[in-house]
Amino acid sequence: MNSNSAEHTDRGIEDAPDGDCCTASHSLTDEALLDDVAMLSAVGNETRYETLRYVAGAGQAGACVCELPPLVGVTQGTVSNALSRLLEAGLVSRRKEGRWRYYTATTEARTLLLALDTIQEGSDE
């Protein structure tokens, strides 16, 4: 094994069985990859990302959809669309109290936001 092959193996890349180049190995299933892409694309828009930050900041009490438009600076319809996309991606949960809907950040959302904060802190150094 040459040093290049050892380096590939250390990075999770293995030589292809037919001798052509190499194949990447990872533990994610196709479904898990699609879930990751859906989650990342859900926060890949400024309005959705900012909405998620406000919802996460509201803690377990959750954020009412009615209080978010002035915070995010968009219409209630735009916030509702953002929340629908975040809900679909599994980043928020929703509960209804009377005529109001409250959104709470999921564990996955809090983990993702913490990872982004950690990356940002590392880039500030």
PDB file of N, CA and C in Angstrom:
ATOM      1  N   MET A   1       0.856  -1.174   0.000  1.00  0.00           N
ATOM      2  CA  MET A   1       0.000   0.000   0.000  1.00  0.00           C
ATOM      3  C   MET A   1       0.899   1.232   0.000  1.00  0.00           C
ATOM      4  N   ASN A   2       0.686   2.129  -0.947  1.00  0.00           N
ATOM      5  CA  ASN A   2       1.501   3.337  -0.968  1.00  0.00           C
ATOM      6  C   ASN A   2       0.918   4.370  -0.009  1.00  0.00           C
ATOM      7  N   SER A   3       1.659   5.448   0.216  1.00  0.00           N
ATOM      8  CA  SER A   3       1.226   6.448   1.198  1.00  0.00           C
ATOM      9  C   SER A   3      -0.076   7.112   0.773  1.00  0.00           C
ATOM     10  N   ASN A   4      -0.309   7.235  -0.527  1.00  0.00           N
ATOM     11  CA  ASN A   4      -1.549   7.823  -1.010  1.00  0.00           C
ATOM     12  C   ASN A   4      -2.741   6.944  -0.640  1.00  0.00           C
ATOM     13  N   SER A   5      -2.586   5.624  -0.747  1.00  0.00           N
ATOM     14  CA  SER A   5      -3.656   4.700  -0.372  1.00  0.00           C
ATOM     15  C   SER A   5      -3.929   4.776   1.114  1.00  0.00           C
ATOM     16  N   ALA A   6      -2.883   4.880   1.917  1.00  0.00           N
ATOM     17  CA  ALA A   6      -3.057   4.985   3.364  1.00  0.00           C
ATOM     18  C   ALA A   6      -3.801   6.270   3.707  1.00  0.00           C
ATOM     19  N   GLU A   7      -3.447   7.350   3.016  1.00  0.00           N
ATOM     20  CA  GLU A   7      -4.117   8.627   3.260  1.00  0.00           C
ATOM     21  C   GLU A   7      -5.596   8.530   2.907  1.00  0.00           C
ATOM     22  N   HIS A   8      -5.923   7.891   1.784  1.00  0.00           N
ATOM     23  CA  HIS A   8      -7.321   7.718   1.386  1.00  0.00           C
ATOM     24  C   HIS A   8      -8.087   6.919   2.424  1.00  0.00           C
ATOM     25  N   THR A   9      -7.505   5.826   2.920  1.00  0.00           N
ATOM     26  CA  THR A   9      -8.179   4.987   3.905  1.00  0.00           C
ATOM     27  C   THR A   9      -8.436   5.771   5.180  1.00  0.00           C
ATOM     28  N   ASP A  10      -7.481   6.583   5.595  1.00  0.00           N
ATOM     29  CA  ASP A  10      -7.651   7.403   6.792  1.00  0.00           C
ATOM     30  C   ASP A  10      -8.810   8.386   6.637  1.00  0.00           C
ATOM     31  N   ARG A  11      -9.094   8.814   5.417  1.00  0.00           N
ATOM     32  CA  ARG A  11     -10.172   9.773   5.167  1.00  0.00           C
ATOM     33  C   ARG A  11     -11.477   9.077   4.796  1.00  0.00           C
ATOM     34  N   GLY A  12     -11.550   7.749   4.910  1.00  0.00           N
ATOM     35  CA  GLY A  12     -12.768   7.030   4.576  1.00  0.00           C
ATOM     36  C   GLY A  12     -12.921   6.766   3.096  1.00  0.00           C
ATOM     37  N   ILE A  13     -11.826   6.808   2.358  1.00  0.00           N
ATOM     38  CA  ILE A  13     -11.850   6.542   0.926  1.00  0.00           C
ATOM     39  C   ILE A  13     -11.055   5.274   0.681  1.00  0.00           C
ATOM     40  N   GLU A  14     -11.652   4.347  -0.042  1.00  0.00           N
ATOM     41  CA  GLU A  14     -10.986   3.072  -0.291  1.00  0.00           C
ATOM     42  C   GLU A  14     -10.758   2.888  -1.778  1.00  0.00           C
ATOM     43  N   ASP A  15      -9.709   2.113  -2.118  1.00  0.00           N
ATOM     44  CA  ASP A  15      -9.485   1.787  -3.514  1.00  0.00           C
ATOM     45  C   ASP A  15     -10.663   0.975  -4.028  1.00  0.00           C
ATOM     46  N   ALA A  16     -11.121   1.285  -5.232  1.00  0.00           N
ATOM     47  CA  ALA A  16     -12.228   0.544  -5.831  1.00  0.00           C
ATOM     48  C   ALA A  16     -11.774  -0.872  -6.128  1.00  0.00           C
ATOM     49  N   PRO A  17     -12.679  -1.862  -6.002  1.00  0.00           N
ATOM     50  CA  PRO A  17     -12.292  -3.253  -6.225  1.00  0.00           C
ATOM     51  C   PRO A  17     -11.761  -3.519  -7.629  1.00  0.00           C
ATOM     52  N   ASP A  18     -12.217  -2.770  -8.620  1.00  0.00           N
ATOM     53  CA  ASP A  18     -11.767  -3.005  -9.990  1.00  0.00           C
ATOM     54  C   ASP A  18     -10.472  -2.272 -10.316  1.00  0.00           C
ATOM     55  N   GLY A  19      -9.895  -1.605  -9.326  1.00  0.00           N
ATOM     56  CA  GLY A  19      -8.631  -0.915  -9.531  1.00  0.00           C
ATOM     57  C   GLY A  19      -8.781   0.499 -10.060  1.00  0.00           C
ATOM     58  N   ASP A  20      -9.992   0.882 -10.430  1.00  0.00           N
ATOM     59  CA  ASP A  20     -10.231   2.242 -10.898  1.00  0.00           C
ATOM     60  C   ASP A  20     -10.327   3.182  -9.710  1.00  0.00           C
ATOM     61  N   CYS A  21      -9.566   4.216  -9.734  1.00  0.00           N
ATOM     62  CA  CYS A  21      -9.610   5.286  -8.734  1.00  0.00           C
ATOM     63  C   CYS A  21      -9.967   4.772  -7.348  1.00  0.00           C
ATOM     64  N   CYS A  22     -10.995   5.327  -6.749  1.00  0.00           N
ATOM     65  CA  CYS A  22     -11.357   4.936  -5.394  1.00  0.00           C
ATOM     66  C   CYS A  22     -12.840   5.209  -5.161  1.00  0.00           C
ATOM     67  N   THR A  23     -13.371   4.630  -4.100  1.00  0.00           N
ATOM     68  CA  THR A  23     -14.762   4.863  -3.728  1.00  0.00           C
ATOM     69  C   THR A  23     -14.796   5.419  -2.316  1.00  0.00           C
ATOM     70  N   ALA A  24     -15.702   6.327  -2.089  1.00  0.00           N
ATOM     71  CA  ALA A  24     -15.860   6.881  -0.745  1.00  0.00           C
ATOM     72  C   ALA A  24     -16.743   5.947   0.065  1.00  0.00           C
ATOM     73  N   SER A  25     -16.366   5.741   1.304  1.00  0.00           N
ATOM     74  CA  SER A  25     -17.208   4.929   2.178  1.00  0.00           C
ATOM     75  C   SER A  25     -17.690   5.801   3.323  1.00  0.00           C
ATOM     76  N   HIS A  26     -18.940   5.631   3.665  1.00  0.00           N
ATOM     77  CA  HIS A  26     -19.524   6.354   4.786  1.00  0.00           C
ATOM     78  C   HIS A  26     -20.648   5.505   5.338  1.00  0.00           C
ATOM     79  N   SER A  27     -21.113   5.863   6.506  1.00  0.00           N
ATOM     80  CA  SER A  27     -22.130   5.057   7.162  1.00  0.00           C
ATOM     81  C   SER A  27     -23.545   5.561   6.890  1.00  0.00           C
ATOM     82  N   LEU A  28     -23.712   6.600   6.095  1.00  0.00           N
ATOM     83  CA  LEU A  28     -25.041   7.143   5.827  1.00  0.00           C
ATOM     84  C   LEU A  28     -25.753   6.358   4.734  1.00  0.00           C
ATOM     85  N   THR A  29     -27.020   6.090   4.956  1.00  0.00           N
ATOM     86  CA  THR A  29     -27.837   5.472   3.920  1.00  0.00           C
ATOM     87  C   THR A  29     -28.286   6.561   2.953  1.00  0.00           C
ATOM     88  N   ASP A  30     -28.804   6.143   1.812  1.00  0.00           N
ATOM     89  CA  ASP A  30     -29.322   7.126   0.861  1.00  0.00           C
ATOM     90  C   ASP A  30     -30.423   7.966   1.500  1.00  0.00           C
ATOM     91  N   GLU A  31     -31.267   7.333   2.317  1.00  0.00           N
ATOM     92  CA  GLU A  31     -32.348   8.057   2.988  1.00  0.00           C
ATOM     93  C   GLU A  31     -31.788   9.094   3.961  1.00  0.00           C
ATOM     94  N   ALA A  32     -30.756   8.720   4.711  1.00  0.00           N
ATOM     95  CA  ALA A  32     -30.141   9.658   5.655  1.00  0.00           C
ATOM     96  C   ALA A  32     -29.502  10.833   4.910  1.00  0.00           C
ATOM     97  N   LEU A  33     -28.883  10.555   3.776  1.00  0.00           N
ATOM     98  CA  LEU A  33     -28.298  11.639   2.974  1.00  0.00           C
ATOM     99  C   LEU A  33     -29.384  12.602   2.504  1.00  0.00           C
ATOM    100  N   LEU A  34     -30.507  12.057   2.032  1.00  0.00           N
ATOM    101  CA  LEU A  34     -31.609  12.908   1.583  1.00  0.00           C
ATOM    102  C   LEU A  34     -32.180  13.729   2.735  1.00  0.00           C
ATOM    103  N   ASP A  35     -32.267  13.121   3.919  1.00  0.00           N
ATOM    104  CA  ASP A  35     -32.738  13.856   5.101  1.00  0.00           C
ATOM    105  C   ASP A  35     -31.795  15.007   5.434  1.00  0.00           C
ATOM    106  N   ASP A  36     -30.490  14.744   5.366  1.00  0.00           N
ATOM    107  CA  ASP A  36     -29.504  15.791   5.642  1.00  0.00           C
ATOM    108  C   ASP A  36     -29.626  16.933   4.642  1.00  0.00           C
ATOM    109  N   VAL A  37     -29.774  16.584   3.362  1.00  0.00           N
ATOM    110  CA  VAL A  37     -29.899  17.611   2.326  1.00  0.00           C
ATOM    111  C   VAL A  37     -31.170  18.428   2.546  1.00  0.00           C
ATOM    112  N   ALA A  38     -32.269  17.769   2.900  1.00  0.00           N
ATOM    113  CA  ALA A  38     -33.528  18.483   3.156  1.00  0.00           C
ATOM    114  C   ALA A  38     -33.374  19.439   4.335  1.00  0.00           C
ATOM    115  N   MET A  39     -32.694  18.976   5.383  1.00  0.00           N
ATOM    116  CA  MET A  39     -32.501  19.807   6.563  1.00  0.00           C
ATOM    117  C   MET A  39     -31.634  21.021   6.230  1.00  0.00           C
ATOM    118  N   LEU A  40     -30.537  20.783   5.535  1.00  0.00           N
ATOM    119  CA  LEU A  40     -29.636  21.890   5.199  1.00  0.00           C
ATOM    120  C   LEU A  40     -30.281  22.861   4.218  1.00  0.00           C
ATOM    121  N   SER A  41     -31.043  22.342   3.268  1.00  0.00           N
ATOM    122  CA  SER A  41     -31.679  23.250   2.317  1.00  0.00           C
ATOM    123  C   SER A  41     -32.787  24.052   2.988  1.00  0.00           C
ATOM    124  N   ALA A  42     -33.402  23.497   4.032  1.00  0.00           N
ATOM    125  CA  ALA A  42     -34.443  24.232   4.761  1.00  0.00           C
ATOM    126  C   ALA A  42     -33.877  25.465   5.454  1.00  0.00           C
ATOM    127  N   VAL A  43     -32.625  25.428   5.863  1.00  0.00           N
ATOM    128  CA  VAL A  43     -32.017  26.603   6.505  1.00  0.00           C
ATOM    129  C   VAL A  43     -31.139  27.384   5.527  1.00  0.00           C
ATOM    130  N   GLY A  44     -31.197  27.021   4.257  1.00  0.00           N
ATOM    131  CA  GLY A  44     -30.386  27.672   3.239  1.00  0.00           C
ATOM    132  C   GLY A  44     -31.023  28.930   2.671  1.00  0.00           C
ATOM    133  N   ASN A  45     -31.940  29.497   3.391  1.00  0.00           N
ATOM    134  CA  ASN A  45     -32.634  30.713   2.993  1.00  0.00           C
ATOM    135  C   ASN A  45     -32.635  31.639   4.207  1.00  0.00           C
ATOM    136  N   GLU A  46     -32.350  32.900   4.000  1.00  0.00           N
ATOM    137  CA  GLU A  46     -32.196  33.832   5.123  1.00  0.00           C
ATOM    138  C   GLU A  46     -33.448  33.901   6.005  1.00  0.00           C
ATOM    139  N   THR A  47     -34.617  33.959   5.390  1.00  0.00           N
ATOM    140  CA  THR A  47     -35.856  34.052   6.175  1.00  0.00           C
ATOM    141  C   THR A  47     -36.069  32.803   7.013  1.00  0.00           C
ATOM    142  N   ARG A  48     -35.876  31.627   6.415  1.00  0.00           N
ATOM    143  CA  ARG A  48     -36.072  30.383   7.166  1.00  0.00           C
ATOM    144  C   ARG A  48     -35.034  30.244   8.270  1.00  0.00           C
ATOM    145  N   TYR A  49     -33.793  30.609   7.973  1.00  0.00           N
ATOM    146  CA  TYR A  49     -32.737  30.514   8.979  1.00  0.00           C
ATOM    147  C   TYR A  49     -33.020  31.456  10.149  1.00  0.00           C
ATOM    148  N   GLU A  50     -33.367  32.688   9.850  1.00  0.00           N
ATOM    149  CA  GLU A  50     -33.644  33.663  10.906  1.00  0.00           C
ATOM    150  C   GLU A  50     -34.878  33.249  11.710  1.00  0.00           C
ATOM    151  N   THR A  51     -35.888  32.737  11.028  1.00  0.00           N
ATOM    152  CA  THR A  51     -37.088  32.248  11.718  1.00  0.00           C
ATOM    153  C   THR A  51     -36.723  31.124  12.670  1.00  0.00           C
ATOM    154  N   LEU A  52     -35.902  30.194  12.214  1.00  0.00           N
ATOM    155  CA  LEU A  52     -35.479  29.083  13.071  1.00  0.00           C
ATOM    156  C   LEU A  52     -34.712  29.599  14.283  1.00  0.00           C
ATOM    157  N   ARG A  53     -33.855  30.578  14.092  1.00  0.00           N
ATOM    158  CA  ARG A  53     -33.105  31.154  15.217  1.00  0.00           C
ATOM    159  C   ARG A  53     -34.061  31.746  16.261  1.00  0.00           C
ATOM    160  N   TYR A  54     -35.088  32.475  15.810  1.00  0.00           N
ATOM    161  CA  TYR A  54     -36.050  33.050  16.758  1.00  0.00           C
ATOM    162  C   TYR A  54     -36.860  31.966  17.458  1.00  0.00           C
ATOM    163  N   VAL A  55     -37.277  30.948  16.714  1.00  0.00           N
ATOM    164  CA  VAL A  55     -38.042  29.852  17.320  1.00  0.00           C
ATOM    165  C   VAL A  55     -37.180  29.138  18.357  1.00  0.00           C
ATOM    166  N   ALA A  56     -35.932  28.872  18.023  1.00  0.00           N
ATOM    167  CA  ALA A  56     -35.028  28.203  18.973  1.00  0.00           C
ATOM    168  C   ALA A  56     -34.822  29.071  20.211  1.00  0.00           C
ATOM    169  N   GLY A  57     -34.747  30.368  20.026  1.00  0.00           N
ATOM    170  CA  GLY A  57     -34.564  31.282  21.143  1.00  0.00           C
ATOM    171  C   GLY A  57     -35.766  31.358  22.073  1.00  0.00           C
ATOM    172  N   ALA A  58     -36.927  30.946  21.581  1.00  0.00           N
ATOM    173  CA  ALA A  58     -38.141  30.976  22.400  1.00  0.00           C
ATOM    174  C   ALA A  58     -38.193  29.821  23.393  1.00  0.00           C
ATOM    175  N   GLY A  59     -37.306  28.862  23.249  1.00  0.00           N
ATOM    176  CA  GLY A  59     -37.254  27.741  24.186  1.00  0.00           C
ATOM    177  C   GLY A  59     -38.457  26.825  24.080  1.00  0.00           C
ATOM    178  N   GLN A  60     -38.749  26.129  25.177  1.00  0.00           N
ATOM    179  CA  GLN A  60     -39.829  25.143  25.182  1.00  0.00           C
ATOM    180  C   GLN A  60     -41.214  25.778  25.105  1.00  0.00           C
ATOM    181  N   ALA A  61     -41.327  27.046  25.474  1.00  0.00           N
ATOM    182  CA  ALA A  61     -42.622  27.734  25.367  1.00  0.00           C
ATOM    183  C   ALA A  61     -43.040  27.854  23.908  1.00  0.00           C
ATOM    184  N   GLY A  62     -42.052  27.927  23.033  1.00  0.00           N
ATOM    185  CA  GLY A  62     -42.327  28.053  21.611  1.00  0.00           C
ATOM    186  C   GLY A  62     -42.600  29.487  21.208  1.00  0.00           C
ATOM    187  N   ALA A  63     -42.627  29.697  19.927  1.00  0.00           N
ATOM    188  CA  ALA A  63     -42.898  31.020  19.369  1.00  0.00           C
ATOM    189  C   ALA A  63     -44.209  30.953  18.605  1.00  0.00           C
ATOM    190  N   CYS A  64     -45.063  31.925  18.857  1.00  0.00           N
ATOM    191  CA  CYS A  64     -46.329  32.015  18.130  1.00  0.00           C
ATOM    192  C   CYS A  64     -46.037  32.597  16.748  1.00  0.00           C
ATOM    193  N   VAL A  65     -46.686  32.044  15.750  1.00  0.00           N
ATOM    194  CA  VAL A  65     -46.470  32.524  14.393  1.00  0.00           C
ATOM    195  C   VAL A  65     -46.775  34.020  14.290  1.00  0.00           C
ATOM    196  N   CYS A  66     -47.666  34.521  15.136  1.00  0.00           N
ATOM    197  CA  CYS A  66     -48.058  35.934  15.079  1.00  0.00           C
ATOM    198  C   CYS A  66     -46.955  36.878  15.547  1.00  0.00           C
ATOM    199  N   GLU A  67     -46.023  36.389  16.346  1.00  0.00           N
ATOM    200  CA  GLU A  67     -44.977  37.287  16.862  1.00  0.00           C
ATOM    201  C   GLU A  67     -43.726  37.326  15.991  1.00  0.00           C
ATOM    202  N   LEU A  68     -43.633  36.436  15.022  1.00  0.00           N
ATOM    203  CA  LEU A  68     -42.409  36.336  14.223  1.00  0.00           C
ATOM    204  C   LEU A  68     -42.273  37.356  13.087  1.00  0.00           C
ATOM    205  N   PRO A  69     -43.340  37.728  12.366  1.00  0.00           N
ATOM    206  CA  PRO A  69     -43.152  38.650  11.231  1.00  0.00           C
ATOM    207  C   PRO A  69     -42.401  39.933  11.554  1.00  0.00           C
ATOM    208  N   PRO A  70     -42.723  40.648  12.645  1.00  0.00           N
ATOM    209  CA  PRO A  70     -41.956  41.874  12.897  1.00  0.00           C
ATOM    210  C   PRO A  70     -40.496  41.598  13.263  1.00  0.00           C
ATOM    211  N   LEU A  71     -40.243  40.439  13.870  1.00  0.00           N
ATOM    212  CA  LEU A  71     -38.864  40.096  14.233  1.00  0.00           C
ATOM    213  C   LEU A  71     -38.027  39.779  12.999  1.00  0.00           C
ATOM    214  N   VAL A  72     -38.635  39.066  12.059  1.00  0.00           N
ATOM    215  CA  VAL A  72     -37.912  38.634  10.859  1.00  0.00           C
ATOM    216  C   VAL A  72     -37.975  39.705   9.767  1.00  0.00           C
ATOM    217  N   GLY A  73     -38.984  40.568   9.845  1.00  0.00           N
ATOM    218  CA  GLY A  73     -39.103  41.645   8.860  1.00  0.00           C
ATOM    219  C   GLY A  73     -39.768  41.222   7.566  1.00  0.00           C
ATOM    220  N   VAL A  74     -40.674  40.244   7.649  1.00  0.00           N
ATOM    221  CA  VAL A  74     -41.410  39.775   6.474  1.00  0.00           C
ATOM    222  C   VAL A  74     -42.884  39.631   6.860  1.00  0.00           C
ATOM    223  N   THR A  75     -43.721  39.316   5.887  1.00  0.00           N
ATOM    224  CA  THR A  75     -45.150  39.160   6.150  1.00  0.00           C
ATOM    225  C   THR A  75     -45.431  37.860   6.904  1.00  0.00           C
ATOM    226  N   GLN A  76     -46.632  37.785   7.482  1.00  0.00           N
ATOM    227  CA  GLN A  76     -47.016  36.569   8.191  1.00  0.00           C
ATOM    228  C   GLN A  76     -47.089  35.386   7.225  1.00  0.00           C
ATOM    229  N   GLY A  77     -47.516  35.631   5.994  1.00  0.00           N
ATOM    230  CA  GLY A  77     -47.561  34.563   4.993  1.00  0.00           C
ATOM    231  C   GLY A  77     -46.174  33.999   4.709  1.00  0.00           C
ATOM    232  N   THR A  78     -45.187  34.873   4.618  1.00  0.00           N
ATOM    233  CA  THR A  78     -43.810  34.434   4.372  1.00  0.00           C
ATOM    234  C   THR A  78     -43.286  33.633   5.553  1.00  0.00           C
ATOM    235  N   VAL A  79     -43.593  34.087   6.769  1.00  0.00           N
ATOM    236  CA  VAL A  79     -43.182  33.343   7.966  1.00  0.00           C
ATOM    237  C   VAL A  79     -43.873  31.983   7.993  1.00  0.00           C
ATOM    238  N   SER A  80     -45.158  31.949   7.658  1.00  0.00           N
ATOM    239  CA  SER A  80     -45.889  30.678   7.641  1.00  0.00           C
ATOM    240  C   SER A  80     -45.276  29.704   6.646  1.00  0.00           C
ATOM    241  N   ASN A  81     -44.901  30.204   5.476  1.00  0.00           N
ATOM    242  CA  ASN A  81     -44.235  29.348   4.481  1.00  0.00           C
ATOM    243  C   ASN A  81     -42.895  28.844   5.003  1.00  0.00           C
ATOM    244  N   ALA A  82     -42.147  29.717   5.653  1.00  0.00           N
ATOM    245  CA  ALA A  82     -40.848  29.325   6.215  1.00  0.00           C
ATOM    246  C   ALA A  82     -41.039  28.247   7.276  1.00  0.00           C
ATOM    247  N   LEU A  83     -42.022  28.442   8.143  1.00  0.00           N
ATOM    248  CA  LEU A  83     -42.276  27.465   9.202  1.00  0.00           C
ATOM    249  C   LEU A  83     -42.743  26.127   8.634  1.00  0.00           C
ATOM    250  N   SER A  84     -43.531  26.166   7.572  1.00  0.00           N
ATOM    251  CA  SER A  84     -43.966  24.917   6.923  1.00  0.00           C
ATOM    252  C   SER A  84     -42.768  24.142   6.400  1.00  0.00           C
ATOM    253  N   ARG A  85     -41.844  24.853   5.784  1.00  0.00           N
ATOM    254  CA  ARG A  85     -40.647  24.195   5.244  1.00  0.00           C
ATOM    255  C   ARG A  85     -39.780  23.637   6.373  1.00  0.00           C
ATOM    256  N   LEU A  86     -39.640  24.384   7.459  1.00  0.00           N
ATOM    257  CA  LEU A  86     -38.862  23.923   8.612  1.00  0.00           C
ATOM    258  C   LEU A  86     -39.540  22.726   9.275  1.00  0.00           C
ATOM    259  N   LEU A  87     -40.856  22.733   9.330  1.00  0.00           N
ATOM    260  CA  LEU A  87     -41.617  21.614   9.891  1.00  0.00           C
ATOM    261  C   LEU A  87     -41.423  20.365   9.039  1.00  0.00           C
ATOM    262  N   GLU A  88     -41.516  20.534   7.738  1.00  0.00           N
ATOM    263  CA  GLU A  88     -41.325  19.434   6.789  1.00  0.00           C
ATOM    264  C   GLU A  88     -39.932  18.816   6.922  1.00  0.00           C
ATOM    265  N   ALA A  89     -38.943  19.636   7.214  1.00  0.00           N
ATOM    266  CA  ALA A  89     -37.558  19.164   7.348  1.00  0.00           C
ATOM    267  C   ALA A  89     -37.272  18.597   8.737  1.00  0.00           C
ATOM    268  N   GLY A  90     -38.243  18.663   9.639  1.00  0.00           N
ATOM    269  CA  GLY A  90     -38.045  18.124  10.982  1.00  0.00           C
ATOM    270  C   GLY A  90     -37.273  19.035  11.916  1.00  0.00           C
ATOM    271  N   LEU A  91     -37.220  20.318  11.591  1.00  0.00           N
ATOM    272  CA  LEU A  91     -36.458  21.260  12.410  1.00  0.00           C
ATOM    273  C   LEU A  91     -37.309  21.985  13.447  1.00  0.00           C
ATOM    274  N   VAL A  92     -38.618  21.979  13.265  1.00  0.00           N
ATOM    275  CA  VAL A  92     -39.529  22.549  14.258  1.00  0.00           C
ATOM    276  C   VAL A  92     -40.695  21.593  14.464  1.00  0.00           C
ATOM    277  N   SER A  93     -41.304  21.702  15.634  1.00  0.00           N
ATOM    278  CA  SER A  93     -42.559  20.993  15.895  1.00  0.00           C
ATOM    279  C   SER A  93     -43.623  22.055  16.127  1.00  0.00           C
ATOM    280  N   ARG A  94     -44.887  21.657  15.987  1.00  0.00           N
ATOM    281  CA  ARG A  94     -45.974  22.632  16.059  1.00  0.00           C
ATOM    282  C   ARG A  94     -47.052  22.128  17.012  1.00  0.00           C
ATOM    283  N   ARG A  95     -47.615  23.050  17.774  1.00  0.00           N
ATOM    284  CA  ARG A  95     -48.780  22.719  18.593  1.00  0.00           C
ATOM    285  C   ARG A  95     -49.793  23.851  18.439  1.00  0.00           C
ATOM    286  N   LYS A  96     -51.047  23.494  18.579  1.00  0.00           N
ATOM    287  CA  LYS A  96     -52.111  24.476  18.413  1.00  0.00           C
ATOM    288  C   LYS A  96     -52.760  24.739  19.761  1.00  0.00           C
ATOM    289  N   GLU A  97     -52.915  26.013  20.076  1.00  0.00           N
ATOM    290  CA  GLU A  97     -53.615  26.441  21.289  1.00  0.00           C
ATOM    291  C   GLU A  97     -54.658  27.459  20.862  1.00  0.00           C
ATOM    292  N   GLY A  98     -55.920  27.038  20.894  1.00  0.00           N
ATOM    293  CA  GLY A  98     -56.976  27.922  20.402  1.00  0.00           C
ATOM    294  C   GLY A  98     -56.781  28.185  18.926  1.00  0.00           C
ATOM    295  N   ARG A  99     -56.748  29.436  18.564  1.00  0.00           N
ATOM    296  CA  ARG A  99     -56.552  29.756  17.138  1.00  0.00           C
ATOM    297  C   ARG A  99     -55.090  29.987  16.773  1.00  0.00           C
ATOM    298  N   TRP A 100     -54.188  29.894  17.747  1.00  0.00           N
ATOM    299  CA  TRP A 100     -52.777  30.179  17.497  1.00  0.00           C
ATOM    300  C   TRP A 100     -51.958  28.901  17.396  1.00  0.00           C
ATOM    301  N   ARG A 101     -50.928  28.976  16.588  1.00  0.00           N
ATOM    302  CA  ARG A 101     -49.982  27.864  16.459  1.00  0.00           C
ATOM    303  C   ARG A 101     -48.642  28.306  17.034  1.00  0.00           C
ATOM    304  N   TYR A 102     -48.066  27.419  17.816  1.00  0.00           N
ATOM    305  CA  TYR A 102     -46.766  27.680  18.440  1.00  0.00           C
ATOM    306  C   TYR A 102     -45.756  26.687  17.888  1.00  0.00           C
ATOM    307  N   TYR A 103     -44.574  27.185  17.596  1.00  0.00           N
ATOM    308  CA  TYR A 103     -43.510  26.362  17.030  1.00  0.00           C
ATOM    309  C   TYR A 103     -42.346  26.287  18.003  1.00  0.00           C
ATOM    310  N   THR A 104     -41.778  25.090  18.091  1.00  0.00           N
ATOM    311  CA  THR A 104     -40.639  24.829  18.968  1.00  0.00           C
ATOM    312  C   THR A 104     -39.538  24.183  18.134  1.00  0.00           C
ATOM    313  N   ALA A 105     -38.303  24.551  18.393  1.00  0.00           N
ATOM    314  CA  ALA A 105     -37.168  23.930  17.698  1.00  0.00           C
ATOM    315  C   ALA A 105     -37.003  22.493  18.188  1.00  0.00           C
ATOM    316  N   THR A 106     -36.756  21.583  17.256  1.00  0.00           N
ATOM    317  CA  THR A 106     -36.520  20.188  17.615  1.00  0.00           C
ATOM    318  C   THR A 106     -35.083  20.011  18.104  1.00  0.00           C
ATOM    319  N   THR A 107     -34.818  18.850  18.657  1.00  0.00           N
ATOM    320  CA  THR A 107     -33.452  18.526  19.086  1.00  0.00           C
ATOM    321  C   THR A 107     -32.492  18.628  17.907  1.00  0.00           C
ATOM    322  N   GLU A 108     -32.928  18.160  16.739  1.00  0.00           N
ATOM    323  CA  GLU A 108     -32.082  18.227  15.538  1.00  0.00           C
ATOM    324  C   GLU A 108     -31.744  19.677  15.192  1.00  0.00           C
ATOM    325  N   ALA A 109     -32.737  20.561  15.304  1.00  0.00           N
ATOM    326  CA  ALA A 109     -32.501  21.978  15.001  1.00  0.00           C
ATOM    327  C   ALA A 109     -31.522  22.587  15.988  1.00  0.00           C
ATOM    328  N   ARG A 110     -31.716  22.293  17.267  1.00  0.00           N
ATOM    329  CA  ARG A 110     -30.810  22.851  18.279  1.00  0.00           C
ATOM    330  C   ARG A 110     -29.388  22.327  18.074  1.00  0.00           C
ATOM    331  N   THR A 111     -29.261  21.056  17.711  1.00  0.00           N
ATOM    332  CA  THR A 111     -27.940  20.478  17.443  1.00  0.00           C
ATOM    333  C   THR A 111     -27.297  21.143  16.229  1.00  0.00           C
ATOM    334  N   LEU A 112     -28.078  21.344  15.176  1.00  0.00           N
ATOM    335  CA  LEU A 112     -27.570  21.997  13.969  1.00  0.00           C
ATOM    336  C   LEU A 112     -27.131  23.428  14.265  1.00  0.00           C
ATOM    337  N   LEU A 113     -27.945  24.174  15.003  1.00  0.00           N
ATOM    338  CA  LEU A 113     -27.591  25.561  15.332  1.00  0.00           C
ATOM    339  C   LEU A 113     -26.351  25.629  16.214  1.00  0.00           C
ATOM    340  N   LEU A 114     -26.232  24.695  17.140  1.00  0.00           N
ATOM    341  CA  LEU A 114     -25.038  24.637  17.989  1.00  0.00           C
ATOM    342  C   LEU A 114     -23.795  24.344  17.148  1.00  0.00           C
ATOM    343  N   ALA A 115     -23.924  23.425  16.193  1.00  0.00           N
ATOM    344  CA  ALA A 115     -22.790  23.120  15.307  1.00  0.00           C
ATOM    345  C   ALA A 115     -22.402  24.347  14.493  1.00  0.00           C
ATOM    346  N   LEU A 116     -23.385  25.068  13.985  1.00  0.00           N
ATOM    347  CA  LEU A 116     -23.091  26.284  13.222  1.00  0.00           C
ATOM    348  C   LEU A 116     -22.431  27.343  14.097  1.00  0.00           C
ATOM    349  N   ASP A 117     -22.896  27.473  15.338  1.00  0.00           N
ATOM    350  CA  ASP A 117     -22.270  28.419  16.270  1.00  0.00           C
ATOM    351  C   ASP A 117     -20.820  28.035  16.546  1.00  0.00           C
ATOM    352  N   THR A 118     -20.580  26.747  16.721  1.00  0.00           N
ATOM    353  CA  THR A 118     -19.225  26.253  16.988  1.00  0.00           C
ATOM    354  C   THR A 118     -18.307  26.529  15.803  1.00  0.00           C
ATOM    355  N   ILE A 119     -18.808  26.301  14.605  1.00  0.00           N
ATOM    356  CA  ILE A 119     -18.019  26.581  13.395  1.00  0.00           C
ATOM    357  C   ILE A 119     -17.712  28.071  13.312  1.00  0.00           C
ATOM    358  N   GLN A 120     -18.713  28.896  13.575  1.00  0.00           N
ATOM    359  CA  GLN A 120     -18.524  30.352  13.521  1.00  0.00           C
ATOM    360  C   GLN A 120     -17.498  30.811  14.546  1.00  0.00           C
ATOM    361  N   GLU A 121     -17.570  30.262  15.757  1.00  0.00           N
ATOM    362  CA  GLU A 121     -16.598  30.613  16.797  1.00  0.00           C
ATOM    363  C   GLU A 121     -15.192  30.227  16.372  1.00  0.00           C
ATOM    364  N   GLY A 122     -15.055  29.076  15.728  1.00  0.00           N
ATOM    365  CA  GLY A 122     -13.749  28.620  15.258  1.00  0.00           C
ATOM    366  C   GLY A 122     -13.195  29.504  14.163  1.00  0.00           C
ATOM    367  N   SER A 123     -14.074  30.059  13.332  1.00  0.00           N
ATOM    368  CA  SER A 123     -13.594  30.918  12.246  1.00  0.00           C
ATOM    369  C   SER A 123     -13.260  32.322  12.738  1.00  0.00           C
ATOM    370  N   ASP A 124     -13.734  32.667  13.930  1.00  0.00           N
ATOM    371  CA  ASP A 124     -13.425  33.982  14.507  1.00  0.00           C
ATOM    372  C   ASP A 124     -12.027  34.029  15.112  1.00  0.00           C
ATOM    373  N   GLU A 125     -11.442  32.868  15.354  1.00  0.00           N
ATOM    374  CA  GLU A 125     -10.130  32.822  16.022  1.00  0.00           C
ATOM    375  C   GLU A 125      -9.006  33.174  15.095  1.00  0.00           C
TER     376      GLU A 125
END
